[in-house]
Amino acid sequence: MRGRTPYAGKIALAALLAALSLVVLWGAELAPWGRMGLVAVAGLMPAAAVISAGPAAGGLCWGGTSILALLLLPDKGCGLLYLLFFGLYPLVKYAAEATRRRPLELAVKLAFFNVVLTVFWFGLRAVFLWGLPQAEELGRLLYPAGNVVFLIYDYGFSKLIAFYVARVDRPLRRGRGL
């Protein structure tokens, strides 16, 4: 091992993925038309860290990116969205899927999504929709539609993870021995 700890490669990978995630979040600041999509792309980096180096590396990637995003990005909205949902979801997904029980896995994922949606709903409503009569009607539609969109997102996220495992992680492990 020539003087390095066995965790040095995993920590370096988490740091590299955190930096890449921060660059993508910065891009979300510059591209208002694709802000939500780019924040979702930034959330792929903690998933890559979890797959390639374990959940601790995914937590380091998420935590480091979240702190730096809230400190460095001019618009804190993207950083907050990453902190509370897109960056944290790969860790929640990993923990839920580790149970190997499909109904429990789905319940944990939906509970997480609905808690985050509630936090965002009350925060946004207080700031942007205060006093509007349409706010209650929007709230009644938000949860059913949001859950459907979340399940589609989770399915697509699973497909992207499978692609990453097949095309990036396996060749990386063969060549570098992570």
N, C-alpha and C. Protein backbone atom coordinates (compact mmCIF):
# COMPACT_ATOMS: atom_id res chain seq x y z
N MET A 1 0.80 -1.19 0.00
CA MET A 1 0.00 0.00 0.00
C MET A 1 0.85 1.26 0.00
N ARG A 2 2.09 1.14 0.21
CA ARG A 2 3.05 2.23 0.11
C ARG A 2 2.65 3.48 0.89
N GLY A 3 2.33 3.34 2.16
CA GLY A 3 2.13 4.50 3.00
C GLY A 3 0.75 5.13 2.98
N ARG A 4 -0.19 4.61 2.19
CA ARG A 4 -1.52 5.20 2.23
C ARG A 4 -2.46 4.31 3.03
N THR A 5 -3.45 4.96 3.59
CA THR A 5 -4.44 4.20 4.33
C THR A 5 -5.39 3.56 3.34
N PRO A 6 -6.07 2.48 3.71
CA PRO A 6 -7.00 1.84 2.77
C PRO A 6 -8.18 2.74 2.42
N TYR A 7 -8.43 3.77 3.21
CA TYR A 7 -9.57 4.63 2.96
C TYR A 7 -9.21 5.86 2.14
N ALA A 8 -7.94 6.06 1.85
CA ALA A 8 -7.52 7.27 1.14
C ALA A 8 -8.18 7.37 -0.24
N GLY A 9 -8.24 6.28 -0.97
CA GLY A 9 -8.87 6.29 -2.29
C GLY A 9 -10.36 6.59 -2.21
N LYS A 10 -11.02 6.06 -1.19
CA LYS A 10 -12.45 6.31 -1.04
C LYS A 10 -12.72 7.76 -0.67
N ILE A 11 -11.89 8.32 0.20
CA ILE A 11 -12.05 9.72 0.58
C ILE A 11 -11.76 10.62 -0.61
N ALA A 12 -10.72 10.28 -1.37
CA ALA A 12 -10.39 11.08 -2.56
C ALA A 12 -11.52 11.02 -3.59
N LEU A 13 -12.11 9.84 -3.77
CA LEU A 13 -13.22 9.72 -4.71
C LEU A 13 -14.41 10.55 -4.24
N ALA A 14 -14.72 10.50 -2.94
CA ALA A 14 -15.83 11.30 -2.41
C ALA A 14 -15.57 12.79 -2.61
N ALA A 15 -14.33 13.23 -2.39
CA ALA A 15 -14.00 14.64 -2.57
C ALA A 15 -14.10 15.05 -4.04
N LEU A 16 -13.62 14.19 -4.92
CA LEU A 16 -13.70 14.48 -6.35
C LEU A 16 -15.15 14.57 -6.82
N LEU A 17 -15.97 13.65 -6.36
CA LEU A 17 -17.38 13.67 -6.73
C LEU A 17 -18.11 14.87 -6.10
N ALA A 18 -17.70 15.28 -4.90
CA ALA A 18 -18.29 16.47 -4.28
C ALA A 18 -17.94 17.71 -5.10
N ALA A 19 -16.69 17.78 -5.55
CA ALA A 19 -16.29 18.93 -6.38
C ALA A 19 -17.07 18.95 -7.69
N LEU A 20 -17.23 17.79 -8.31
CA LEU A 20 -18.00 17.70 -9.54
C LEU A 20 -19.46 18.08 -9.31
N SER A 21 -20.01 17.65 -8.20
CA SER A 21 -21.38 17.98 -7.86
C SER A 21 -21.54 19.49 -7.65
N LEU A 22 -20.56 20.11 -7.02
CA LEU A 22 -20.60 21.56 -6.82
C LEU A 22 -20.52 22.31 -8.14
N VAL A 23 -19.72 21.80 -9.08
CA VAL A 23 -19.64 22.43 -10.40
C VAL A 23 -20.99 22.34 -11.11
N VAL A 24 -21.65 21.21 -11.01
CA VAL A 24 -22.97 21.06 -11.64
C VAL A 24 -23.99 21.99 -10.97
N LEU A 25 -23.91 22.12 -9.65
CA LEU A 25 -24.81 23.06 -8.96
C LEU A 25 -24.53 24.50 -9.38
N TRP A 26 -23.29 24.82 -9.60
CA TRP A 26 -22.95 26.15 -10.09
C TRP A 26 -23.56 26.35 -11.49
N GLY A 27 -23.52 25.31 -12.30
CA GLY A 27 -24.15 25.37 -13.62
C GLY A 27 -25.65 25.58 -13.51
N ALA A 28 -26.27 25.02 -12.48
CA ALA A 28 -27.70 25.23 -12.27
C ALA A 28 -28.00 26.70 -11.97
N GLU A 29 -27.05 27.37 -11.35
CA GLU A 29 -27.21 28.80 -11.09
C GLU A 29 -27.20 29.60 -12.40
N LEU A 30 -26.41 29.13 -13.35
CA LEU A 30 -26.23 29.87 -14.60
C LEU A 30 -27.30 29.54 -15.64
N ALA A 31 -27.99 28.42 -15.49
CA ALA A 31 -28.97 27.97 -16.49
C ALA A 31 -30.36 27.93 -15.86
N PRO A 32 -31.08 29.02 -15.87
CA PRO A 32 -32.38 29.03 -15.20
C PRO A 32 -33.41 28.09 -15.83
N TRP A 33 -33.24 27.74 -17.10
CA TRP A 33 -34.20 26.87 -17.78
C TRP A 33 -34.07 25.42 -17.36
N GLY A 34 -32.93 25.02 -16.82
CA GLY A 34 -32.75 23.63 -16.43
C GLY A 34 -32.31 23.47 -15.00
N ARG A 35 -32.72 24.41 -14.16
CA ARG A 35 -32.24 24.44 -12.78
C ARG A 35 -32.55 23.15 -12.02
N MET A 36 -33.79 22.72 -12.05
CA MET A 36 -34.18 21.51 -11.30
C MET A 36 -33.48 20.28 -11.86
N GLY A 37 -33.37 20.19 -13.17
CA GLY A 37 -32.70 19.05 -13.79
C GLY A 37 -31.23 18.98 -13.44
N LEU A 38 -30.56 20.12 -13.42
CA LEU A 38 -29.14 20.13 -13.08
C LEU A 38 -28.91 19.82 -11.60
N VAL A 39 -29.81 20.26 -10.74
CA VAL A 39 -29.68 19.89 -9.33
C VAL A 39 -29.87 18.38 -9.18
N ALA A 40 -30.77 17.80 -9.96
CA ALA A 40 -30.95 16.34 -9.95
C ALA A 40 -29.70 15.63 -10.46
N VAL A 41 -29.05 16.18 -11.49
CA VAL A 41 -27.80 15.59 -12.00
C VAL A 41 -26.73 15.66 -10.92
N ALA A 42 -26.68 16.76 -10.18
CA ALA A 42 -25.71 16.88 -9.08
C ALA A 42 -25.95 15.80 -8.03
N GLY A 43 -27.19 15.36 -7.88
CA GLY A 43 -27.52 14.30 -6.94
C GLY A 43 -27.05 12.92 -7.38
N LEU A 44 -26.59 12.80 -8.62
CA LEU A 44 -26.04 11.52 -9.06
C LEU A 44 -24.66 11.26 -8.45
N MET A 45 -23.94 12.33 -8.10
CA MET A 45 -22.58 12.16 -7.58
C MET A 45 -22.56 11.43 -6.23
N PRO A 46 -23.43 11.78 -5.26
CA PRO A 46 -23.44 10.97 -4.03
C PRO A 46 -23.81 9.52 -4.28
N ALA A 47 -24.66 9.27 -5.27
CA ALA A 47 -25.01 7.88 -5.61
C ALA A 47 -23.78 7.15 -6.12
N ALA A 48 -22.99 7.81 -6.96
CA ALA A 48 -21.76 7.20 -7.46
C ALA A 48 -20.79 6.93 -6.31
N ALA A 49 -20.73 7.84 -5.35
CA ALA A 49 -19.85 7.63 -4.19
C ALA A 49 -20.32 6.45 -3.36
N VAL A 50 -21.62 6.32 -3.16
CA VAL A 50 -22.16 5.19 -2.39
C VAL A 50 -21.83 3.87 -3.10
N ILE A 51 -22.01 3.83 -4.41
CA ILE A 51 -21.77 2.59 -5.16
C ILE A 51 -20.28 2.24 -5.17
N SER A 52 -19.44 3.21 -5.45
CA SER A 52 -18.02 2.93 -5.64
C SER A 52 -17.22 2.87 -4.35
N ALA A 53 -17.65 3.58 -3.32
CA ALA A 53 -16.83 3.64 -2.11
C ALA A 53 -17.60 3.41 -0.81
N GLY A 54 -18.91 3.21 -0.90
CA GLY A 54 -19.68 2.92 0.30
C GLY A 54 -20.51 4.10 0.78
N PRO A 55 -21.43 3.82 1.72
CA PRO A 55 -22.33 4.87 2.19
C PRO A 55 -21.63 6.00 2.95
N ALA A 56 -20.52 5.71 3.61
CA ALA A 56 -19.80 6.78 4.31
C ALA A 56 -19.24 7.78 3.30
N ALA A 57 -18.73 7.31 2.18
CA ALA A 57 -18.24 8.20 1.13
C ALA A 57 -19.38 8.99 0.53
N GLY A 58 -20.53 8.36 0.36
CA GLY A 58 -21.71 9.08 -0.13
C GLY A 58 -22.13 10.18 0.83
N GLY A 59 -22.06 9.90 2.12
CA GLY A 59 -22.36 10.92 3.12
C GLY A 59 -21.36 12.06 3.10
N LEU A 60 -20.09 11.74 2.92
CA LEU A 60 -19.07 12.79 2.80
C LEU A 60 -19.31 13.65 1.57
N CYS A 61 -19.63 13.02 0.46
CA CYS A 61 -19.90 13.74 -0.78
C CYS A 61 -21.10 14.66 -0.60
N TRP A 62 -22.17 14.14 -0.04
CA TRP A 62 -23.38 14.94 0.18
C TRP A 62 -23.12 16.08 1.16
N GLY A 63 -22.50 15.77 2.29
CA GLY A 63 -22.26 16.78 3.31
C GLY A 63 -21.33 17.88 2.83
N GLY A 64 -20.23 17.49 2.20
CA GLY A 64 -19.28 18.48 1.71
C GLY A 64 -19.89 19.38 0.65
N THR A 65 -20.59 18.77 -0.29
CA THR A 65 -21.23 19.56 -1.34
C THR A 65 -22.29 20.49 -0.76
N SER A 66 -23.08 19.99 0.18
CA SER A 66 -24.15 20.81 0.78
C SER A 66 -23.58 22.03 1.49
N ILE A 67 -22.56 21.83 2.29
CA ILE A 67 -21.96 22.95 3.02
C ILE A 67 -21.37 23.96 2.05
N LEU A 68 -20.59 23.47 1.08
CA LEU A 68 -19.98 24.39 0.12
C LEU A 68 -21.02 25.10 -0.74
N ALA A 69 -22.08 24.39 -1.11
CA ALA A 69 -23.12 25.02 -1.93
C ALA A 69 -23.80 26.14 -1.16
N LEU A 70 -24.10 25.91 0.11
CA LEU A 70 -24.76 26.95 0.90
C LEU A 70 -23.83 28.12 1.19
N LEU A 71 -22.54 27.86 1.22
CA LEU A 71 -21.58 28.95 1.45
C LEU A 71 -21.23 29.71 0.18
N LEU A 72 -21.09 29.00 -0.94
CA LEU A 72 -20.51 29.61 -2.14
C LEU A 72 -21.52 30.02 -3.21
N LEU A 73 -22.63 29.33 -3.32
CA LEU A 73 -23.56 29.65 -4.40
C LEU A 73 -24.33 30.93 -4.09
N PRO A 74 -24.49 31.79 -5.09
CA PRO A 74 -25.23 33.04 -4.85
C PRO A 74 -26.71 32.82 -4.52
N ASP A 75 -27.36 31.89 -5.22
CA ASP A 75 -28.76 31.58 -4.97
C ASP A 75 -28.81 30.32 -4.11
N LYS A 76 -29.27 30.47 -2.90
CA LYS A 76 -29.27 29.34 -1.95
C LYS A 76 -30.34 28.30 -2.25
N GLY A 77 -31.26 28.59 -3.17
CA GLY A 77 -32.34 27.66 -3.50
C GLY A 77 -31.82 26.34 -4.05
N CYS A 78 -30.86 26.40 -4.95
CA CYS A 78 -30.30 25.16 -5.51
C CYS A 78 -29.58 24.36 -4.44
N GLY A 79 -28.82 25.05 -3.60
CA GLY A 79 -28.11 24.37 -2.51
C GLY A 79 -29.07 23.73 -1.52
N LEU A 80 -30.16 24.42 -1.23
CA LEU A 80 -31.16 23.89 -0.30
C LEU A 80 -31.88 22.68 -0.90
N LEU A 81 -32.20 22.75 -2.17
CA LEU A 81 -32.84 21.62 -2.85
C LEU A 81 -31.92 20.40 -2.86
N TYR A 82 -30.63 20.64 -3.09
CA TYR A 82 -29.65 19.55 -3.05
C TYR A 82 -29.51 19.00 -1.63
N LEU A 83 -29.41 19.89 -0.66
CA LEU A 83 -29.22 19.49 0.74
C LEU A 83 -30.36 18.63 1.24
N LEU A 84 -31.59 19.05 0.97
CA LEU A 84 -32.75 18.36 1.54
C LEU A 84 -33.28 17.21 0.71
N PHE A 85 -33.04 17.21 -0.59
CA PHE A 85 -33.62 16.13 -1.39
C PHE A 85 -32.63 15.44 -2.32
N PHE A 86 -32.20 16.10 -3.38
CA PHE A 86 -31.46 15.41 -4.43
C PHE A 86 -30.12 14.85 -3.98
N GLY A 87 -29.44 15.52 -3.08
CA GLY A 87 -28.16 15.01 -2.58
C GLY A 87 -28.33 13.95 -1.52
N LEU A 88 -29.37 14.07 -0.72
CA LEU A 88 -29.62 13.13 0.37
C LEU A 88 -30.33 11.86 -0.09
N TYR A 89 -31.10 11.96 -1.16
CA TYR A 89 -31.90 10.81 -1.60
C TYR A 89 -31.07 9.56 -1.93
N PRO A 90 -29.88 9.67 -2.54
CA PRO A 90 -29.11 8.43 -2.77
C PRO A 90 -28.80 7.66 -1.49
N LEU A 91 -28.58 8.35 -0.39
CA LEU A 91 -28.32 7.67 0.89
C LEU A 91 -29.60 7.02 1.43
N VAL A 92 -30.72 7.72 1.28
CA VAL A 92 -32.00 7.16 1.71
C VAL A 92 -32.36 5.96 0.85
N LYS A 93 -32.12 6.07 -0.44
CA LYS A 93 -32.41 4.97 -1.38
C LYS A 93 -31.56 3.75 -1.03
N TYR A 94 -30.28 3.98 -0.74
CA TYR A 94 -29.39 2.88 -0.36
C TYR A 94 -29.90 2.18 0.90
N ALA A 95 -30.27 2.96 1.92
CA ALA A 95 -30.75 2.38 3.17
C ALA A 95 -32.08 1.65 2.97
N ALA A 96 -32.97 2.22 2.17
CA ALA A 96 -34.28 1.59 1.94
C ALA A 96 -34.13 0.29 1.16
N GLU A 97 -33.27 0.30 0.14
CA GLU A 97 -33.10 -0.90 -0.68
C GLU A 97 -32.28 -1.97 0.02
N ALA A 98 -31.55 -1.60 1.07
CA ALA A 98 -30.80 -2.59 1.85
C ALA A 98 -31.73 -3.48 2.66
N THR A 99 -32.97 -3.05 2.88
CA THR A 99 -33.92 -3.88 3.63
C THR A 99 -34.34 -5.11 2.83
N ARG A 100 -34.25 -5.03 1.50
CA ARG A 100 -34.61 -6.13 0.59
C ARG A 100 -36.08 -6.55 0.70
N ARG A 101 -36.91 -5.66 1.23
CA ARG A 101 -38.35 -5.90 1.28
C ARG A 101 -39.02 -4.78 0.50
N ARG A 102 -39.59 -5.12 -0.61
CA ARG A 102 -40.14 -4.12 -1.54
C ARG A 102 -41.19 -3.21 -0.90
N PRO A 103 -42.18 -3.73 -0.14
CA PRO A 103 -43.17 -2.81 0.45
C PRO A 103 -42.54 -1.83 1.45
N LEU A 104 -41.62 -2.30 2.28
CA LEU A 104 -40.96 -1.43 3.24
C LEU A 104 -40.07 -0.41 2.53
N GLU A 105 -39.38 -0.87 1.50
CA GLU A 105 -38.54 0.02 0.70
C GLU A 105 -39.36 1.17 0.10
N LEU A 106 -40.48 0.83 -0.49
CA LEU A 106 -41.35 1.84 -1.09
C LEU A 106 -41.92 2.78 -0.04
N ALA A 107 -42.30 2.24 1.12
CA ALA A 107 -42.85 3.07 2.20
C ALA A 107 -41.81 4.06 2.71
N VAL A 108 -40.57 3.63 2.87
CA VAL A 108 -39.51 4.51 3.35
C VAL A 108 -39.24 5.62 2.33
N LYS A 109 -39.15 5.25 1.07
CA LYS A 109 -38.89 6.25 0.02
C LYS A 109 -40.02 7.28 -0.06
N LEU A 110 -41.25 6.80 -0.07
CA LEU A 110 -42.39 7.74 -0.14
C LEU A 110 -42.51 8.60 1.11
N ALA A 111 -42.21 8.02 2.28
CA ALA A 111 -42.24 8.82 3.50
C ALA A 111 -41.19 9.92 3.45
N PHE A 112 -40.00 9.59 2.99
CA PHE A 112 -38.94 10.59 2.86
C PHE A 112 -39.37 11.70 1.91
N PHE A 113 -39.88 11.31 0.75
CA PHE A 113 -40.30 12.31 -0.23
C PHE A 113 -41.39 13.21 0.32
N ASN A 114 -42.37 12.63 0.99
CA ASN A 114 -43.49 13.44 1.49
C ASN A 114 -43.07 14.36 2.63
N VAL A 115 -42.11 13.94 3.45
CA VAL A 115 -41.60 14.83 4.49
C VAL A 115 -40.88 16.02 3.85
N VAL A 116 -40.03 15.74 2.86
CA VAL A 116 -39.31 16.82 2.18
C VAL A 116 -40.29 17.73 1.43
N LEU A 117 -41.27 17.14 0.78
CA LEU A 117 -42.27 17.94 0.06
C LEU A 117 -43.04 18.84 1.03
N THR A 118 -43.36 18.33 2.20
CA THR A 118 -44.07 19.12 3.20
C THR A 118 -43.20 20.29 3.68
N VAL A 119 -41.92 20.02 3.92
CA VAL A 119 -41.02 21.09 4.34
C VAL A 119 -40.95 22.17 3.27
N PHE A 120 -40.78 21.76 2.01
CA PHE A 120 -40.73 22.74 0.93
C PHE A 120 -42.07 23.45 0.75
N TRP A 121 -43.18 22.72 0.87
CA TRP A 121 -44.50 23.32 0.67
C TRP A 121 -44.75 24.42 1.69
N PHE A 122 -44.51 24.12 2.96
CA PHE A 122 -44.77 25.14 3.98
C PHE A 122 -43.79 26.29 3.88
N GLY A 123 -42.55 26.01 3.52
CA GLY A 123 -41.58 27.09 3.33
C GLY A 123 -41.92 27.97 2.15
N LEU A 124 -42.26 27.37 1.03
CA LEU A 124 -42.60 28.15 -0.17
C LEU A 124 -43.92 28.87 -0.03
N ARG A 125 -44.88 28.22 0.59
CA ARG A 125 -46.20 28.85 0.74
C ARG A 125 -46.09 30.09 1.62
N ALA A 126 -45.30 29.99 2.67
CA ALA A 126 -45.15 31.14 3.56
C ALA A 126 -44.46 32.30 2.85
N VAL A 127 -43.56 31.99 1.93
CA VAL A 127 -42.79 33.05 1.26
C VAL A 127 -43.50 33.55 0.01
N PHE A 128 -43.98 32.63 -0.85
CA PHE A 128 -44.47 33.03 -2.16
C PHE A 128 -45.98 33.05 -2.32
N LEU A 129 -46.69 32.21 -1.59
CA LEU A 129 -48.13 32.09 -1.82
C LEU A 129 -48.97 32.65 -0.68
N TRP A 130 -48.39 33.45 0.17
CA TRP A 130 -49.09 33.98 1.33
C TRP A 130 -50.30 34.79 0.89
N GLY A 131 -51.46 34.41 1.38
CA GLY A 131 -52.67 35.16 1.12
C GLY A 131 -53.40 34.82 -0.17
N LEU A 132 -52.87 33.94 -0.99
CA LEU A 132 -53.54 33.59 -2.24
C LEU A 132 -54.59 32.51 -1.99
N PRO A 133 -55.80 32.68 -2.50
CA PRO A 133 -56.83 31.66 -2.28
C PRO A 133 -56.54 30.36 -3.04
N GLN A 134 -55.77 30.42 -4.12
CA GLN A 134 -55.46 29.22 -4.91
C GLN A 134 -54.44 28.32 -4.20
N ALA A 135 -53.83 28.80 -3.12
CA ALA A 135 -52.80 28.02 -2.44
C ALA A 135 -53.34 26.70 -1.90
N GLU A 136 -54.55 26.71 -1.35
CA GLU A 136 -55.13 25.48 -0.81
C GLU A 136 -55.44 24.47 -1.91
N GLU A 137 -55.95 24.94 -3.02
CA GLU A 137 -56.23 24.05 -4.16
C GLU A 137 -54.94 23.45 -4.71
N LEU A 138 -53.93 24.26 -4.81
CA LEU A 138 -52.63 23.77 -5.27
C LEU A 138 -52.09 22.72 -4.32
N GLY A 139 -52.27 22.92 -3.03
CA GLY A 139 -51.82 21.95 -2.02
C GLY A 139 -52.50 20.60 -2.15
N ARG A 140 -53.77 20.60 -2.51
CA ARG A 140 -54.50 19.33 -2.68
C ARG A 140 -54.01 18.55 -3.89
N LEU A 141 -53.54 19.24 -4.91
CA LEU A 141 -53.03 18.57 -6.11
C LEU A 141 -51.56 18.20 -5.99
N LEU A 142 -50.85 18.92 -5.13
CA LEU A 142 -49.40 18.76 -5.05
C LEU A 142 -48.97 17.37 -4.60
N TYR A 143 -49.60 16.83 -3.58
CA TYR A 143 -49.15 15.55 -3.04
C TYR A 143 -49.41 14.37 -3.98
N PRO A 144 -50.61 14.20 -4.53
CA PRO A 144 -50.80 13.06 -5.45
C PRO A 144 -49.91 13.18 -6.69
N ALA A 145 -49.86 14.37 -7.30
CA ALA A 145 -49.03 14.54 -8.49
C ALA A 145 -47.55 14.40 -8.14
N GLY A 146 -47.15 14.95 -7.01
CA GLY A 146 -45.76 14.86 -6.59
C GLY A 146 -45.31 13.43 -6.36
N ASN A 147 -46.18 12.61 -5.76
CA ASN A 147 -45.82 11.21 -5.52
C ASN A 147 -45.66 10.43 -6.82
N VAL A 148 -46.51 10.70 -7.79
CA VAL A 148 -46.39 10.05 -9.10
C VAL A 148 -45.08 10.44 -9.77
N VAL A 149 -44.78 11.74 -9.76
CA VAL A 149 -43.53 12.22 -10.37
C VAL A 149 -42.32 11.62 -9.63
N PHE A 150 -42.41 11.54 -8.30
CA PHE A 150 -41.31 10.95 -7.53
C PHE A 150 -41.09 9.49 -7.89
N LEU A 151 -42.15 8.71 -8.05
CA LEU A 151 -41.99 7.30 -8.41
C LEU A 151 -41.35 7.15 -9.79
N ILE A 152 -41.70 8.03 -10.71
CA ILE A 152 -41.07 8.03 -12.04
C ILE A 152 -39.59 8.39 -11.90
N TYR A 153 -39.30 9.41 -11.08
CA TYR A 153 -37.91 9.80 -10.82
C TYR A 153 -37.11 8.64 -10.22
N ASP A 154 -37.69 7.94 -9.25
CA ASP A 154 -37.00 6.83 -8.60
C ASP A 154 -36.70 5.71 -9.60
N TYR A 155 -37.65 5.44 -10.47
CA TYR A 155 -37.43 4.41 -11.50
C TYR A 155 -36.28 4.82 -12.43
N GLY A 156 -36.31 6.05 -12.91
CA GLY A 156 -35.24 6.55 -13.77
C GLY A 156 -33.90 6.58 -13.06
N PHE A 157 -33.90 6.96 -11.79
CA PHE A 157 -32.68 6.98 -10.98
C PHE A 157 -32.09 5.59 -10.85
N SER A 158 -32.96 4.59 -10.66
CA SER A 158 -32.50 3.20 -10.59
C SER A 158 -31.86 2.76 -11.90
N LYS A 159 -32.44 3.18 -13.01
CA LYS A 159 -31.85 2.85 -14.32
C LYS A 159 -30.49 3.52 -14.50
N LEU A 160 -30.35 4.77 -14.07
CA LEU A 160 -29.07 5.45 -14.16
C LEU A 160 -28.02 4.79 -13.27
N ILE A 161 -28.43 4.32 -12.11
CA ILE A 161 -27.51 3.61 -11.21
C ILE A 161 -27.06 2.31 -11.86
N ALA A 162 -27.98 1.58 -12.48
CA ALA A 162 -27.61 0.34 -13.17
C ALA A 162 -26.63 0.62 -14.31
N PHE A 163 -26.85 1.70 -15.03
CA PHE A 163 -25.92 2.10 -16.09
C PHE A 163 -24.55 2.42 -15.51
N TYR A 164 -24.52 3.17 -14.41
CA TYR A 164 -23.25 3.52 -13.77
C TYR A 164 -22.49 2.28 -13.31
N VAL A 165 -23.21 1.34 -12.71
CA VAL A 165 -22.56 0.11 -12.24
C VAL A 165 -21.96 -0.66 -13.40
N ALA A 166 -22.72 -0.79 -14.48
CA ALA A 166 -22.26 -1.60 -15.62
C ALA A 166 -21.15 -0.92 -16.42
N ARG A 167 -21.25 0.38 -16.63
CA ARG A 167 -20.33 1.06 -17.54
C ARG A 167 -19.17 1.79 -16.87
N VAL A 168 -19.33 2.15 -15.60
CA VAL A 168 -18.28 2.94 -14.95
C VAL A 168 -17.67 2.18 -13.77
N ASP A 169 -18.49 1.72 -12.85
CA ASP A 169 -17.97 1.13 -11.62
C ASP A 169 -17.21 -0.16 -11.86
N ARG A 170 -17.76 -1.07 -12.65
CA ARG A 170 -17.06 -2.34 -12.90
C ARG A 170 -15.73 -2.13 -13.60
N PRO A 171 -15.66 -1.36 -14.68
CA PRO A 171 -14.35 -1.11 -15.28
C PRO A 171 -13.40 -0.37 -14.33
N LEU A 172 -13.92 0.53 -13.51
CA LEU A 172 -13.10 1.25 -12.55
C LEU A 172 -12.50 0.28 -11.53
N ARG A 173 -13.30 -0.63 -11.04
CA ARG A 173 -12.81 -1.61 -10.07
C ARG A 173 -11.80 -2.57 -10.67
N ARG A 174 -12.01 -2.95 -11.93
CA ARG A 174 -11.03 -3.84 -12.60
C ARG A 174 -9.68 -3.15 -12.80
N GLY A 175 -9.74 -1.86 -13.13
CA GLY A 175 -8.50 -1.16 -13.44
C GLY A 175 -7.79 -0.58 -12.25
N ARG A 176 -8.52 -0.16 -11.21
CA ARG A 176 -7.90 0.57 -10.12
C ARG A 176 -7.94 -0.17 -8.79
N GLY A 177 -8.82 -1.11 -8.63
CA GLY A 177 -8.88 -1.85 -7.37
C GLY A 177 -9.44 -1.06 -6.20
N LEU A 178 -10.49 -0.28 -6.44
CA LEU A 178 -11.09 0.47 -5.33
C LEU A 178 -11.68 -0.41 -4.28
